[in-house]
């Protein structure tokens, strides 16, 4: 059985989107009791670090490979 690359990419995108949404939903539900300005600031800071050093580099590496 052959599957086109774009179709496979679309399926992967849908699966990861659903998984990411579920993780986000669980995180928001668990975070509500700890909601404060300092916790929001720390969360944004951690996200920014991960975005810059982990996710950003993965995207650049993958983009160069393609």
C-alpha atoms as a PDB file:
ATOM      1  CA  UNK A   1       0.000   0.000   0.000  1.00  0.00           C
ATOM      2  CA  UNK A   2       1.419   3.369  -1.020  1.00  0.00           C
ATOM      3  CA  UNK A   3       0.646   6.625   0.709  1.00  0.00           C
ATOM      4  CA  UNK A   4       1.610   9.992  -0.712  1.00  0.00           C
ATOM      5  CA  UNK A   5       4.086  12.000   1.360  1.00  0.00           C
ATOM      6  CA  UNK A   6       1.678  14.906   1.763  1.00  0.00           C
ATOM      7  CA  UNK A   7      -1.102  12.608   2.943  1.00  0.00           C
ATOM      8  CA  UNK A   8       1.225  11.007   5.469  1.00  0.00           C
ATOM      9  CA  UNK A   9       2.308  14.452   6.680  1.00  0.00           C
ATOM     10  CA  UNK A  10      -1.324  15.515   7.052  1.00  0.00           C
ATOM     11  CA  UNK A  11      -2.126  12.420   9.113  1.00  0.00           C
ATOM     12  CA  UNK A  12       0.909  13.039  11.323  1.00  0.00           C
ATOM     13  CA  UNK A  13      -0.123  16.680  11.793  1.00  0.00           C
ATOM     14  CA  UNK A  14      -3.627  15.682  12.823  1.00  0.00           C
ATOM     15  CA  UNK A  15      -2.399  13.051  15.293  1.00  0.00           C
ATOM     16  CA  UNK A  16       0.116  15.434  16.902  1.00  0.00           C
ATOM     17  CA  UNK A  17      -2.453  18.240  17.024  1.00  0.00           C
ATOM     18  CA  UNK A  18      -4.933  16.029  18.863  1.00  0.00           C
ATOM     19  CA  UNK A  19      -2.229  14.804  21.256  1.00  0.00           C
ATOM     20  CA  UNK A  20      -0.990  18.347  21.879  1.00  0.00           C
ATOM     21  CA  UNK A  21      -4.515  19.606  22.536  1.00  0.00           C
ATOM     22  CA  UNK A  22      -5.097  16.851  25.103  1.00  0.00           C
ATOM     23  CA  UNK A  23      -1.841  17.639  26.887  1.00  0.00           C
ATOM     24  CA  UNK A  24      -2.716  21.353  26.889  1.00  0.00           C
ATOM     25  CA  UNK A  25      -6.174  20.606  28.312  1.00  0.00           C
ATOM     26  CA  UNK A  26      -4.716  18.437  31.093  1.00  0.00           C
ATOM     27  CA  UNK A  27      -2.100  21.094  31.864  1.00  0.00           C
ATOM     28  CA  UNK A  28      -4.667  23.886  32.094  1.00  0.00           C
ATOM     29  CA  UNK A  29      -6.891  21.841  34.387  1.00  0.00           C
ATOM     30  CA  UNK A  30      -3.948  21.001  36.671  1.00  0.00           C
ATOM     31  CA  UNK A  31      -2.596  24.581  36.624  1.00  0.00           C
ATOM     32  CA  UNK A  32      -5.760  26.356  37.766  1.00  0.00           C
ATOM     33  CA  UNK A  33      -5.177  25.982  41.543  1.00  0.00           C
ATOM     34  CA  UNK A  34      -1.680  27.489  41.164  1.00  0.00           C
ATOM     35  CA  UNK A  35      -2.653  30.469  39.019  1.00  0.00           C
ATOM     36  CA  UNK A  36      -0.745  33.620  39.991  1.00  0.00           C
ATOM     37  CA  UNK A  37       1.259  36.338  38.268  1.00  0.00           C
ATOM     38  CA  UNK A  38       4.625  34.872  39.273  1.00  0.00           C
ATOM     39  CA  UNK A  39       3.646  31.381  38.081  1.00  0.00           C
ATOM     40  CA  UNK A  40       2.430  32.777  34.753  1.00  0.00           C
ATOM     41  CA  UNK A  41       5.707  34.675  34.329  1.00  0.00           C
ATOM     42  CA  UNK A  42       7.759  31.576  35.159  1.00  0.00           C
ATOM     43  CA  UNK A  43       5.708  29.464  32.749  1.00  0.00           C
ATOM     44  CA  UNK A  44       6.268  31.939  29.925  1.00  0.00           C
ATOM     45  CA  UNK A  45       9.984  32.071  30.726  1.00  0.00           C
ATOM     46  CA  UNK A  46      10.331  28.259  30.645  1.00  0.00           C
ATOM     47  CA  UNK A  47       8.380  28.104  27.383  1.00  0.00           C
ATOM     48  CA  UNK A  48      10.598  30.780  25.833  1.00  0.00           C
ATOM     49  CA  UNK A  49      13.754  28.902  26.813  1.00  0.00           C
ATOM     50  CA  UNK A  50      12.438  25.631  25.368  1.00  0.00           C
ATOM     51  CA  UNK A  51      11.257  27.386  22.221  1.00  0.00           C
ATOM     52  CA  UNK A  52      14.613  29.012  21.624  1.00  0.00           C
ATOM     53  CA  UNK A  53      17.005  26.225  22.584  1.00  0.00           C
ATOM     54  CA  UNK A  54      15.049  23.053  21.792  1.00  0.00           C
ATOM     55  CA  UNK A  55      12.129  23.507  19.413  1.00  0.00           C
ATOM     56  CA  UNK A  56      13.640  26.327  17.379  1.00  0.00           C
ATOM     57  CA  UNK A  57      16.816  24.357  16.721  1.00  0.00           C
ATOM     58  CA  UNK A  58      14.839  21.254  15.763  1.00  0.00           C
ATOM     59  CA  UNK A  59      12.835  23.253  13.234  1.00  0.00           C
ATOM     60  CA  UNK A  60      15.982  24.833  11.757  1.00  0.00           C
ATOM     61  CA  UNK A  61      17.725  21.457  11.511  1.00  0.00           C
ATOM     62  CA  UNK A  62      14.682  19.860   9.882  1.00  0.00           C
ATOM     63  CA  UNK A  63      14.213  22.782   7.486  1.00  0.00           C
ATOM     64  CA  UNK A  64      17.850  22.533   6.341  1.00  0.00           C
ATOM     65  CA  UNK A  65      17.444  18.789   5.826  1.00  0.00           C
ATOM     66  CA  UNK A  66      14.425  19.266   3.595  1.00  0.00           C
END
